Amino acid sequence: MKRVVSISLGSSTRDKVTEADFLGERFRLERVGTNGNLQKAAELIYELDGHVDCIGLGGMDRYLWLGDKRYAIRQVDRLARRAILSPVVDGSGLKHTLEPMVLQRLAEEGKVKFSGKRALLLSGVDRYGMAETLPRLGCEVIYGDLIYALGLPIALKSLSKVRLVGRTLLPVLCWLPMSFLYPTGSKQHKPPAKSRQVWLQQADIIAGDFLFLRRFLPDDLCGKTIITNTTTREDVQLLDRRRAQILVTTTPRLEGRSFGTNVMEGVLVVLSGQKPEELTEADYKSFIKRLDWKPEVEYLQSGGPSFTRQQG
């Protein structure tokens, strides 16, 4: 059996183990939270190296992207280098390919209407594929990089501004601790300033990492479409109680849980038999089609945990 383990800086309460078949191979997928403890994460990576087929990094980005230019977050890069034998992935390669495909499919099949809608993408540099695709589908897009990562009340309203800010700030920000850019451990549950909910309230479509999003969720999400991943059954119920209309998870749901892109990228790396840096966008697209990975579309109903699910 192939084994992919995600070491996450997030809460251990979200840990999960499941088994699944992919292209005839049996996989054991695991998520291990370290509650924001970098030292524990480093120790686990060192212990697992050579004993698992791939290690995923959860709740942290090793790389941020602006187009084809990659910026390494130094602290996470050093952490990843603790593994010598097992490949290490952070999900950025899969996100860059899978998520634009998901958005295009949703639009073509009419499951989500994008044209004329206002979309809030929590971070353009974290999901650059989405950042490029949403305006092409006719959305008016607000990029929340400065609002949600840095706490600055400045909405970026064009991809050109995301690029400008990224080129200016990323070379500096990549030297800062990951906890400065992304909530880890108990900080994921710390209530933020209410002022940062305004843009969420004004959006028709909200897209981005769910753990990042959950900190800023307004009490009322009536009629909104949420495009995300890494949701548990409890997360779905939370969105349902707050009256969100549609939940789209970009990665497959396994036993009630959509795993992070780092886990699913690990599956593709193992199936390919190649190093992560050797996989091209064409390789990712080929595997996604062979695996027939489709977004999960859930039509939520307010007042309880009931919902209908569609795949595709």
C-alpha atoms as a PDB file:
ATOM      1  CA  MET A   1       0.000   0.000   0.000  1.00  0.00           C
ATOM      2  CA  LYS A   2       1.219   3.479  -0.892  1.00  0.00           C
ATOM      3  CA  ARG A   3       1.309   6.000   1.946  1.00  0.00           C
ATOM      4  CA  VAL A   4       0.953   9.787   1.746  1.00  0.00           C
ATOM      5  CA  VAL A   5       1.155  11.769   4.996  1.00  0.00           C
ATOM      6  CA  SER A   6       0.347  15.451   5.342  1.00  0.00           C
ATOM      7  CA  ILE A   7       2.130  17.237   8.184  1.00  0.00           C
ATOM      8  CA  SER A   8       0.043  20.290   8.982  1.00  0.00           C
ATOM      9  CA  LEU A   9       0.634  23.346  11.133  1.00  0.00           C
ATOM     10  CA  GLY A  10      -3.117  23.323  11.737  1.00  0.00           C
ATOM     11  CA  SER A  11      -5.107  21.871  14.587  1.00  0.00           C
ATOM     12  CA  SER A  12      -4.813  18.166  15.423  1.00  0.00           C
ATOM     13  CA  THR A  13      -8.610  18.081  15.860  1.00  0.00           C
ATOM     14  CA  ARG A  14      -8.891  17.917  12.062  1.00  0.00           C
ATOM     15  CA  ASP A  15      -6.690  14.807  11.737  1.00  0.00           C
ATOM     16  CA  LYS A  16      -7.945  12.111   9.392  1.00  0.00           C
ATOM     17  CA  VAL A  17      -6.848   8.735   8.023  1.00  0.00           C
ATOM     18  CA  THR A  18      -8.513   7.074   5.066  1.00  0.00           C
ATOM     19  CA  GLU A  19      -7.763   4.540   2.348  1.00  0.00           C
ATOM     20  CA  ALA A  20      -8.641   4.825  -1.327  1.00  0.00           C
ATOM     21  CA  ASP A  21      -7.802   3.358  -4.736  1.00  0.00           C
ATOM     22  CA  PHE A  22      -6.281   5.484  -7.507  1.00  0.00           C
ATOM     23  CA  LEU A  23      -5.563   3.931 -10.917  1.00  0.00           C
ATOM     24  CA  GLY A  24      -5.452   0.465  -9.363  1.00  0.00           C
ATOM     25  CA  GLU A  25      -3.070   1.451  -6.551  1.00  0.00           C
ATOM     26  CA  ARG A  26      -4.180   1.292  -2.919  1.00  0.00           C
ATOM     27  CA  PHE A  27      -3.318   4.409  -0.891  1.00  0.00           C
ATOM     28  CA  ARG A  28      -3.365   5.276   2.786  1.00  0.00           C
ATOM     29  CA  LEU A  29      -3.861   9.035   3.197  1.00  0.00           C
ATOM     30  CA  GLU A  30      -3.120  10.678   6.548  1.00  0.00           C
ATOM     31  CA  ARG A  31      -3.320  14.183   7.930  1.00  0.00           C
ATOM     32  CA  VAL A  32      -1.379  14.967  11.132  1.00  0.00           C
ATOM     33  CA  GLY A  33      -1.822  18.388  12.735  1.00  0.00           C
ATOM     34  CA  THR A  34       0.893  19.879  14.934  1.00  0.00           C
ATOM     35  CA  ASN A  35      -1.110  22.783  16.414  1.00  0.00           C
ATOM     36  CA  GLY A  36       1.305  25.354  15.042  1.00  0.00           C
ATOM     37  CA  ASN A  37       4.390  23.616  16.465  1.00  0.00           C
ATOM     38  CA  LEU A  38       7.134  23.939  13.835  1.00  0.00           C
ATOM     39  CA  GLN A  39       9.582  21.864  15.834  1.00  0.00           C
ATOM     40  CA  LYS A  40       7.133  18.968  16.011  1.00  0.00           C
ATOM     41  CA  ALA A  41       6.493  19.288  12.273  1.00  0.00           C
ATOM     42  CA  ALA A  42      10.251  19.155  11.607  1.00  0.00           C
ATOM     43  CA  GLU A  43      10.619  16.066  13.807  1.00  0.00           C
ATOM     44  CA  LEU A  44       7.728  14.268  12.080  1.00  0.00           C
ATOM     45  CA  ILE A  45       9.125  14.998   8.630  1.00  0.00           C
ATOM     46  CA  TYR A  46      12.513  13.664   9.705  1.00  0.00           C
ATOM     47  CA  GLU A  47      10.944  10.515  11.213  1.00  0.00           C
ATOM     48  CA  LEU A  48       8.740   9.811   8.180  1.00  0.00           C
ATOM     49  CA  ASP A  49      11.450  10.408   5.587  1.00  0.00           C
ATOM     50  CA  GLY A  50      12.110   7.187   3.698  1.00  0.00           C
ATOM     51  CA  HIS A  51       9.201   5.408   5.401  1.00  0.00           C
ATOM     52  CA  VAL A  52       6.368   6.972   3.388  1.00  0.00           C
ATOM     53  CA  ASP A  53       5.921   7.445  -0.348  1.00  0.00           C
ATOM     54  CA  CYS A  54       5.291  11.189  -0.140  1.00  0.00           C
ATOM     55  CA  ILE A  55       5.096  13.904   2.526  1.00  0.00           C
ATOM     56  CA  GLY A  56       2.639  16.779   2.195  1.00  0.00           C
ATOM     57  CA  LEU A  57       2.913  20.175   3.844  1.00  0.00           C
ATOM     58  CA  GLY A  58      -0.440  21.357   5.180  1.00  0.00           C
ATOM     59  CA  GLY A  59      -1.375  24.733   6.619  1.00  0.00           C
ATOM     60  CA  MET A  60       1.705  26.236   5.003  1.00  0.00           C
ATOM     61  CA  ASP A  61       3.002  27.109   1.568  1.00  0.00           C
ATOM     62  CA  ARG A  62       6.500  26.233   0.469  1.00  0.00           C
ATOM     63  CA  TYR A  63       6.015  28.286  -2.685  1.00  0.00           C
ATOM     64  CA  LEU A  64       3.935  31.268  -3.749  1.00  0.00           C
ATOM     65  CA  TRP A  65       3.524  32.054  -7.440  1.00  0.00           C
ATOM     66  CA  LEU A  66       3.211  35.079  -9.666  1.00  0.00           C
ATOM     67  CA  GLY A  67       2.680  33.713 -13.151  1.00  0.00           C
ATOM     68  CA  ASP A  68       5.629  31.444 -13.860  1.00  0.00           C
ATOM     69  CA  LYS A  69       7.826  32.965 -11.142  1.00  0.00           C
ATOM     70  CA  ARG A  70       8.081  30.990  -7.926  1.00  0.00           C
ATOM     71  CA  TYR A  71       8.917  32.459  -4.522  1.00  0.00           C
ATOM     72  CA  ALA A  72      10.052  30.095  -1.762  1.00  0.00           C
ATOM     73  CA  ILE A  73       9.001  30.851   1.811  1.00  0.00           C
ATOM     74  CA  ARG A  74      12.341  30.287   3.533  1.00  0.00           C
ATOM     75  CA  GLN A  75      11.075  28.843   6.802  1.00  0.00           C
ATOM     76  CA  VAL A  76       8.893  26.252   5.075  1.00  0.00           C
ATOM     77  CA  ASP A  77      11.574  25.499   2.486  1.00  0.00           C
ATOM     78  CA  ARG A  78      14.022  24.667   5.281  1.00  0.00           C
ATOM     79  CA  LEU A  79      11.375  22.461   6.880  1.00  0.00           C
ATOM     80  CA  ALA A  80      10.801  20.575   3.623  1.00  0.00           C
ATOM     81  CA  ARG A  81      14.519  19.957   3.250  1.00  0.00           C
ATOM     82  CA  ARG A  82      14.443  17.840   6.408  1.00  0.00           C
ATOM     83  CA  ALA A  83      13.290  15.044   4.091  1.00  0.00           C
ATOM     84  CA  ILE A  84      16.027  13.516   1.944  1.00  0.00           C
ATOM     85  CA  LEU A  85      14.458  10.300   0.630  1.00  0.00           C
ATOM     86  CA  SER A  86      10.696  10.952   0.450  1.00  0.00           C
ATOM     87  CA  PRO A  87       9.406  13.618  -1.957  1.00  0.00           C
ATOM     88  CA  VAL A  88       7.766  16.659  -0.341  1.00  0.00           C
ATOM     89  CA  VAL A  89       4.860  18.628  -1.859  1.00  0.00           C
ATOM     90  CA  ASP A  90       2.842  21.644  -0.726  1.00  0.00           C
ATOM     91  CA  GLY A  91      -0.023  21.376  -3.210  1.00  0.00           C
ATOM     92  CA  SER A  92       0.916  24.471  -5.217  1.00  0.00           C
ATOM     93  CA  GLY A  93       1.633  22.503  -8.394  1.00  0.00           C
ATOM     94  CA  LEU A  94      -1.778  20.838  -8.346  1.00  0.00           C
ATOM     95  CA  LYS A  95      -3.645  24.019  -7.358  1.00  0.00           C
ATOM     96  CA  HIS A  96      -2.140  25.883 -10.287  1.00  0.00           C
ATOM     97  CA  THR A  97      -3.540  23.278 -12.703  1.00  0.00           C
ATOM     98  CA  LEU A  98      -6.625  21.770 -11.074  1.00  0.00           C
ATOM     99  CA  GLU A  99      -8.430  24.881  -9.884  1.00  0.00           C
ATOM    100  CA  PRO A 100      -8.652  26.678 -13.257  1.00  0.00           C
ATOM    101  CA  MET A 101      -9.986  23.416 -14.722  1.00  0.00           C
ATOM    102  CA  VAL A 102     -12.605  23.260 -11.950  1.00  0.00           C
ATOM    103  CA  LEU A 103     -13.774  26.836 -12.513  1.00  0.00           C
ATOM    104  CA  GLN A 104     -13.998  26.333 -16.274  1.00  0.00           C
ATOM    105  CA  ARG A 105     -15.983  23.137 -15.811  1.00  0.00           C
ATOM    106  CA  LEU A 106     -18.405  24.737 -13.359  1.00  0.00           C
ATOM    107  CA  ALA A 107     -19.039  27.549 -15.836  1.00  0.00           C
ATOM    108  CA  GLU A 108     -19.457  25.272 -18.858  1.00  0.00           C
ATOM    109  CA  GLU A 109     -21.890  22.990 -17.032  1.00  0.00           C
ATOM    110  CA  GLY A 110     -23.842  25.928 -15.587  1.00  0.00           C
ATOM    111  CA  LYS A 111     -23.400  24.808 -11.998  1.00  0.00           C
ATOM    112  CA  VAL A 112     -22.017  28.173 -10.919  1.00  0.00           C
ATOM    113  CA  LYS A 113     -22.770  31.438 -12.671  1.00  0.00           C
ATOM    114  CA  PHE A 114     -19.644  33.614 -12.830  1.00  0.00           C
ATOM    115  CA  SER A 115     -20.466  36.279 -15.407  1.00  0.00           C
ATOM    116  CA  GLY A 116     -21.510  39.542 -13.782  1.00  0.00           C
ATOM    117  CA  LYS A 117     -20.850  38.235 -10.257  1.00  0.00           C
ATOM    118  CA  ARG A 118     -18.586  39.786  -7.656  1.00  0.00           C
ATOM    119  CA  ALA A 119     -15.935  37.329  -6.466  1.00  0.00           C
ATOM    120  CA  LEU A 120     -13.582  37.629  -3.516  1.00  0.00           C
ATOM    121  CA  LEU A 121     -10.391  35.570  -3.776  1.00  0.00           C
ATOM    122  CA  LEU A 122      -8.700  35.551  -0.389  1.00  0.00           C
ATOM    123  CA  SER A 123      -5.206  35.370  -1.854  1.00  0.00           C
ATOM    124  CA  GLY A 124      -4.167  35.701  -5.479  1.00  0.00           C
ATOM    125  CA  VAL A 125      -0.569  34.599  -4.905  1.00  0.00           C
ATOM    126  CA  ASP A 126      -1.742  31.475  -3.065  1.00  0.00           C
ATOM    127  CA  ARG A 127      -4.120  30.530  -5.897  1.00  0.00           C
ATOM    128  CA  TYR A 128      -2.747  32.232  -8.968  1.00  0.00           C
ATOM    129  CA  GLY A 129      -4.580  29.857 -11.304  1.00  0.00           C
ATOM    130  CA  MET A 130      -7.894  30.996  -9.829  1.00  0.00           C
ATOM    131  CA  ALA A 131      -6.697  34.597  -9.861  1.00  0.00           C
ATOM    132  CA  GLU A 132      -6.265  34.427 -13.640  1.00  0.00           C
ATOM    133  CA  THR A 133      -9.396  32.409 -14.382  1.00  0.00           C
ATOM    134  CA  LEU A 134     -12.092  34.262 -12.421  1.00  0.00           C
ATOM    135  CA  PRO A 135     -11.896  37.497 -14.456  1.00  0.00           C
ATOM    136  CA  ARG A 136     -11.802  35.495 -17.709  1.00  0.00           C
ATOM    137  CA  LEU A 137     -15.147  33.989 -16.693  1.00  0.00           C
ATOM    138  CA  GLY A 138     -16.643  37.449 -16.327  1.00  0.00           C
ATOM    139  CA  CYS A 139     -16.309  38.058 -12.592  1.00  0.00           C
ATOM    140  CA  GLU A 140     -15.569  41.358 -10.952  1.00  0.00           C
ATOM    141  CA  VAL A 141     -12.761  40.168  -8.663  1.00  0.00           C
ATOM    142  CA  ILE A 142     -11.458  41.519  -5.377  1.00  0.00           C
ATOM    143  CA  TYR A 143      -8.080  40.028  -4.404  1.00  0.00           C
ATOM    144  CA  GLY A 144      -7.727  39.934  -0.631  1.00  0.00           C
ATOM    145  CA  ASP A 145      -3.966  39.434  -0.287  1.00  0.00           C
ATOM    146  CA  LEU A 146      -3.365  42.670   1.621  1.00  0.00           C
ATOM    147  CA  ILE A 147      -6.618  42.482   3.588  1.00  0.00           C
ATOM    148  CA  TYR A 148      -6.391  38.947   4.932  1.00  0.00           C
ATOM    149  CA  ALA A 149      -2.692  38.072   4.929  1.00  0.00           C
ATOM    150  CA  LEU A 150      -1.337  41.430   6.086  1.00  0.00           C
ATOM    151  CA  GLY A 151      -4.350  43.028   7.761  1.00  0.00           C
ATOM    152  CA  LEU A 152      -4.240  46.110   5.532  1.00  0.00           C
ATOM    153  CA  PRO A 153      -7.661  47.502   4.473  1.00  0.00           C
ATOM    154  CA  ILE A 154      -6.653  47.690   0.819  1.00  0.00           C
ATOM    155  CA  ALA A 155      -8.609  45.732  -1.782  1.00  0.00           C
ATOM    156  CA  LEU A 156      -6.739  44.828  -4.971  1.00  0.00           C
ATOM    157  CA  LYS A 157      -9.159  45.084  -7.879  1.00  0.00           C
ATOM    158  CA  SER A 158      -7.067  43.843 -10.786  1.00  0.00           C
ATOM    159  CA  LEU A 159      -4.584  41.094 -11.488  1.00  0.00           C
ATOM    160  CA  SER A 160      -2.036  43.705 -12.551  1.00  0.00           C
ATOM    161  CA  LYS A 161      -2.160  45.166  -9.039  1.00  0.00           C
ATOM    162  CA  VAL A 162      -1.678  41.696  -7.551  1.00  0.00           C
ATOM    163  CA  ARG A 163       1.423  41.303  -9.713  1.00  0.00           C
ATOM    164  CA  LEU A 164       2.739  44.729  -8.751  1.00  0.00           C
ATOM    165  CA  VAL A 165       2.215  44.162  -5.032  1.00  0.00           C
ATOM    166  CA  GLY A 166       3.589  40.633  -5.309  1.00  0.00           C
ATOM    167  CA  ARG A 167       6.763  41.685  -7.094  1.00  0.00           C
ATOM    168  CA  THR A 168       7.280  44.384  -4.481  1.00  0.00           C
ATOM    169  CA  LEU A 169       6.487  42.488  -1.285  1.00  0.00           C
ATOM    170  CA  LEU A 170       7.061  38.757  -1.879  1.00  0.00           C
ATOM    171  CA  PRO A 171      10.881  38.960  -1.909  1.00  0.00           C
ATOM    172  CA  VAL A 172      10.631  40.410   1.623  1.00  0.00           C
ATOM    173  CA  LEU A 173       7.643  38.456   2.945  1.00  0.00           C
ATOM    174  CA  CYS A 174       9.232  35.133   2.025  1.00  0.00           C
ATOM    175  CA  TRP A 175      11.816  35.700   4.738  1.00  0.00           C
ATOM    176  CA  LEU A 176       9.147  36.062   7.444  1.00  0.00           C
ATOM    177  CA  PRO A 177       7.758  33.190   9.556  1.00  0.00           C
ATOM    178  CA  MET A 178       4.873  31.306   7.972  1.00  0.00           C
ATOM    179  CA  SER A 179       2.676  32.225  10.959  1.00  0.00           C
ATOM    180  CA  PHE A 180       2.894  35.866   9.861  1.00  0.00           C
ATOM    181  CA  LEU A 181       1.248  35.033   6.530  1.00  0.00           C
ATOM    182  CA  TYR A 182      -1.155  32.250   7.515  1.00  0.00           C
ATOM    183  CA  PRO A 183      -2.889  31.412  10.828  1.00  0.00           C
ATOM    184  CA  THR A 184      -1.459  28.292  12.458  1.00  0.00           C
ATOM    185  CA  GLY A 185      -2.586  26.193  15.415  1.00  0.00           C
ATOM    186  CA  SER A 186      -4.988  27.985  17.772  1.00  0.00           C
ATOM    187  CA  LYS A 187      -4.716  31.201  15.711  1.00  0.00           C
ATOM    188  CA  GLN A 188      -6.984  29.545  13.154  1.00  0.00           C
ATOM    189  CA  HIS A 189      -9.849  29.969  15.658  1.00  0.00           C
ATOM    190  CA  LYS A 190      -8.982  33.472  16.874  1.00  0.00           C
ATOM    191  CA  PRO A 191     -11.710  35.952  15.823  1.00  0.00           C
ATOM    192  CA  PRO A 192     -10.371  38.659  13.503  1.00  0.00           C
ATOM    193  CA  ALA A 193     -11.375  42.273  13.279  1.00  0.00           C
ATOM    194  CA  LYS A 194     -14.992  42.617  12.091  1.00  0.00           C
ATOM    195  CA  SER A 195     -13.861  45.155   9.499  1.00  0.00           C
ATOM    196  CA  ARG A 196     -12.354  42.365   7.408  1.00  0.00           C
ATOM    197  CA  GLN A 197     -15.780  40.765   6.960  1.00  0.00           C
ATOM    198  CA  VAL A 198     -17.106  43.647   4.847  1.00  0.00           C
ATOM    199  CA  TRP A 199     -15.650  42.368   1.571  1.00  0.00           C
ATOM    200  CA  LEU A 200     -16.985  38.878   2.297  1.00  0.00           C
ATOM    201  CA  GLN A 201     -20.458  40.258   2.871  1.00  0.00           C
ATOM    202  CA  GLN A 202     -20.384  42.105  -0.444  1.00  0.00           C
ATOM    203  CA  ALA A 203     -19.214  39.125  -2.528  1.00  0.00           C
ATOM    204  CA  ASP A 204     -21.418  36.686  -4.427  1.00  0.00           C
ATOM    205  CA  ILE A 205     -18.589  34.134  -4.736  1.00  0.00           C
ATOM    206  CA  ILE A 206     -15.913  33.551  -2.080  1.00  0.00           C
ATOM    207  CA  ALA A 207     -12.868  31.470  -3.038  1.00  0.00           C
ATOM    208  CA  GLY A 208      -9.783  30.340  -1.159  1.00  0.00           C
ATOM    209  CA  ASP A 209      -8.352  28.124   1.556  1.00  0.00           C
ATOM    210  CA  PHE A 210     -11.083  27.115   4.010  1.00  0.00           C
ATOM    211  CA  LEU A 211      -9.030  27.354   7.212  1.00  0.00           C
ATOM    212  CA  PHE A 212      -8.055  30.862   6.184  1.00  0.00           C
ATOM    213  CA  LEU A 213     -11.648  31.691   5.259  1.00  0.00           C
ATOM    214  CA  ARG A 214     -13.248  30.282   8.421  1.00  0.00           C
ATOM    215  CA  ARG A 215     -11.619  32.943  10.619  1.00  0.00           C
ATOM    216  CA  PHE A 216     -13.353  35.719   8.702  1.00  0.00           C
ATOM    217  CA  LEU A 217     -16.765  34.216   7.972  1.00  0.00           C
ATOM    218  CA  PRO A 218     -19.675  36.578   8.591  1.00  0.00           C
ATOM    219  CA  ASP A 219     -22.694  35.190  10.421  1.00  0.00           C
ATOM    220  CA  ASP A 220     -24.891  35.414   7.327  1.00  0.00           C
ATOM    221  CA  LEU A 221     -23.734  33.890   4.019  1.00  0.00           C
ATOM    222  CA  CYS A 222     -27.181  33.906   2.436  1.00  0.00           C
ATOM    223  CA  GLY A 223     -27.048  33.086  -1.280  1.00  0.00           C
ATOM    224  CA  LYS A 224     -23.242  32.924  -1.488  1.00  0.00           C
ATOM    225  CA  THR A 225     -21.156  30.358  -3.355  1.00  0.00           C
ATOM    226  CA  ILE A 226     -18.034  29.105  -1.535  1.00  0.00           C
ATOM    227  CA  ILE A 227     -15.226  27.560  -3.616  1.00  0.00           C
ATOM    228  CA  THR A 228     -12.628  25.911  -1.408  1.00  0.00           C
ATOM    229  CA  ASN A 229     -11.233  22.579  -0.210  1.00  0.00           C
ATOM    230  CA  THR A 230     -10.162  20.737   2.986  1.00  0.00           C
ATOM    231  CA  THR A 231     -13.684  20.804   4.398  1.00  0.00           C
ATOM    232  CA  THR A 232     -14.941  18.355   7.004  1.00  0.00           C
ATOM    233  CA  ARG A 233     -18.547  17.366   7.678  1.00  0.00           C
ATOM    234  CA  GLU A 234     -18.578  19.942  10.504  1.00  0.00           C
ATOM    235  CA  ASP A 235     -17.395  22.661   8.116  1.00  0.00           C
ATOM    236  CA  VAL A 236     -20.238  21.853   5.732  1.00  0.00           C
ATOM    237  CA  GLN A 237     -22.719  22.110   8.589  1.00  0.00           C
ATOM    238  CA  LEU A 238     -21.228  25.472   9.628  1.00  0.00           C
ATOM    239  CA  LEU A 239     -21.704  26.884   6.119  1.00  0.00           C
ATOM    240  CA  ASP A 240     -25.200  25.455   6.026  1.00  0.00           C
ATOM    241  CA  ARG A 241     -26.166  27.119   9.318  1.00  0.00           C
ATOM    242  CA  ARG A 242     -24.890  30.440   7.968  1.00  0.00           C
ATOM    243  CA  ARG A 243     -27.085  30.005   4.891  1.00  0.00           C
ATOM    244  CA  ALA A 244     -24.464  29.626   2.173  1.00  0.00           C
ATOM    245  CA  GLN A 245     -26.161  28.438  -1.008  1.00  0.00           C
ATOM    246  CA  ILE A 246     -23.496  26.390  -2.817  1.00  0.00           C
ATOM    247  CA  LEU A 247     -20.276  24.771  -1.607  1.00  0.00           C
ATOM    248  CA  VAL A 248     -17.748  23.649  -4.202  1.00  0.00           C
ATOM    249  CA  THR A 249     -14.744  21.609  -3.085  1.00  0.00           C
ATOM    250  CA  THR A 250     -12.045  21.348  -5.717  1.00  0.00           C
ATOM    251  CA  THR A 251     -10.552  18.058  -4.493  1.00  0.00           C
ATOM    252  CA  PRO A 252     -12.422  14.733  -4.216  1.00  0.00           C
ATOM    253  CA  ARG A 253     -14.343  14.055  -1.003  1.00  0.00           C
ATOM    254  CA  LEU A 254     -13.251  10.822   0.664  1.00  0.00           C
ATOM    255  CA  GLU A 255     -15.250   9.456   3.598  1.00  0.00           C
ATOM    256  CA  GLY A 256     -16.859  12.825   4.223  1.00  0.00           C
ATOM    257  CA  ARG A 257     -13.632  14.806   3.966  1.00  0.00           C
ATOM    258  CA  SER A 258     -12.010  16.723   1.115  1.00  0.00           C
ATOM    259  CA  PHE A 259      -8.274  16.485   1.622  1.00  0.00           C
ATOM    260  CA  GLY A 260      -5.918  19.369   0.908  1.00  0.00           C
ATOM    261  CA  THR A 261      -4.215  19.792  -2.437  1.00  0.00           C
ATOM    262  CA  ASN A 262      -0.923  18.782  -0.811  1.00  0.00           C
ATOM    263  CA  VAL A 263      -2.315  15.301  -0.135  1.00  0.00           C
ATOM    264  CA  MET A 264      -3.791  14.907  -3.600  1.00  0.00           C
ATOM    265  CA  GLU A 265      -0.625  16.243  -5.226  1.00  0.00           C
ATOM    266  CA  GLY A 266       1.222  13.592  -3.227  1.00  0.00           C
ATOM    267  CA  VAL A 267      -0.999  10.937  -4.815  1.00  0.00           C
ATOM    268  CA  LEU A 268      -0.123  12.200  -8.312  1.00  0.00           C
ATOM    269  CA  VAL A 269       3.600  12.297  -7.527  1.00  0.00           C
ATOM    270  CA  VAL A 270       3.500   8.693  -6.291  1.00  0.00           C
ATOM    271  CA  LEU A 271       1.495   7.502  -9.306  1.00  0.00           C
ATOM    272  CA  SER A 272       3.875   9.238 -11.703  1.00  0.00           C
ATOM    273  CA  GLY A 273       7.028   7.802 -10.163  1.00  0.00           C
ATOM    274  CA  GLN A 274       8.665  11.190 -10.825  1.00  0.00           C
ATOM    275  CA  LYS A 275      10.083  13.895  -8.585  1.00  0.00           C
ATOM    276  CA  PRO A 276       7.658  16.778  -7.905  1.00  0.00           C
ATOM    277  CA  GLU A 277       9.843  19.245  -9.784  1.00  0.00           C
ATOM    278  CA  GLU A 278       9.753  16.992 -12.866  1.00  0.00           C
ATOM    279  CA  LEU A 279       5.962  17.089 -13.242  1.00  0.00           C
ATOM    280  CA  THR A 280       4.703  19.538 -15.859  1.00  0.00           C
ATOM    281  CA  GLU A 281       1.297  21.172 -16.181  1.00  0.00           C
ATOM    282  CA  ALA A 282       0.541  18.693 -18.965  1.00  0.00           C
ATOM    283  CA  ASP A 283       1.371  15.815 -16.587  1.00  0.00           C
ATOM    284  CA  TYR A 284      -1.011  17.159 -13.964  1.00  0.00           C
ATOM    285  CA  LYS A 285      -3.797  17.594 -16.514  1.00  0.00           C
ATOM    286  CA  SER A 286      -3.259  14.085 -17.827  1.00  0.00           C
ATOM    287  CA  PHE A 287      -3.515  12.513 -14.369  1.00  0.00           C
ATOM    288  CA  ILE A 288      -6.543  14.624 -13.410  1.00  0.00           C
ATOM    289  CA  LYS A 289      -8.356  13.392 -16.529  1.00  0.00           C
ATOM    290  CA  ARG A 290      -7.284   9.765 -16.036  1.00  0.00           C
ATOM    291  CA  LEU A 291      -8.437   9.877 -12.406  1.00  0.00           C
ATOM    292  CA  ASP A 292     -11.633  11.656 -13.472  1.00  0.00           C
ATOM    293  CA  TRP A 293     -11.339  14.063 -10.556  1.00  0.00           C
ATOM    294  CA  LYS A 294     -14.366  16.321 -10.488  1.00  0.00           C
ATOM    295  CA  PRO A 295     -15.399  19.089  -8.125  1.00  0.00           C
ATOM    296  CA  GLU A 296     -17.963  18.291  -5.448  1.00  0.00           C
ATOM    297  CA  VAL A 297     -20.939  20.651  -5.724  1.00  0.00           C
ATOM    298  CA  GLU A 298     -23.179  20.749  -2.651  1.00  0.00           C
ATOM    299  CA  TYR A 299     -26.443  22.686  -2.581  1.00  0.00           C
ATOM    300  CA  LEU A 300     -26.891  23.670   1.025  1.00  0.00           C
ATOM    301  CA  GLN A 301     -30.176  24.168   2.850  1.00  0.00           C
ATOM    302  CA  SER A 302     -30.340  26.524   5.812  1.00  0.00           C
ATOM    303  CA  GLY A 303     -31.510  25.267   9.166  1.00  0.00           C
ATOM    304  CA  GLY A 304     -29.588  22.014   9.431  1.00  0.00           C
ATOM    305  CA  PRO A 305     -26.925  19.664   8.116  1.00  0.00           C
ATOM    306  CA  SER A 306     -28.958  18.330   5.204  1.00  0.00           C
ATOM    307  CA  PHE A 307     -27.696  18.971   1.716  1.00  0.00           C
ATOM    308  CA  THR A 308     -27.576  17.418  -1.714  1.00  0.00           C
ATOM    309  CA  ARG A 309     -24.305  16.576  -3.348  1.00  0.00           C
ATOM    310  CA  GLN A 310     -23.386  16.353  -6.987  1.00  0.00           C
ATOM    311  CA  GLN A 311     -20.086  15.397  -8.514  1.00  0.00           C
ATOM    312  CA  GLY A 312     -18.851  16.863 -11.732  1.00  0.00           C
END
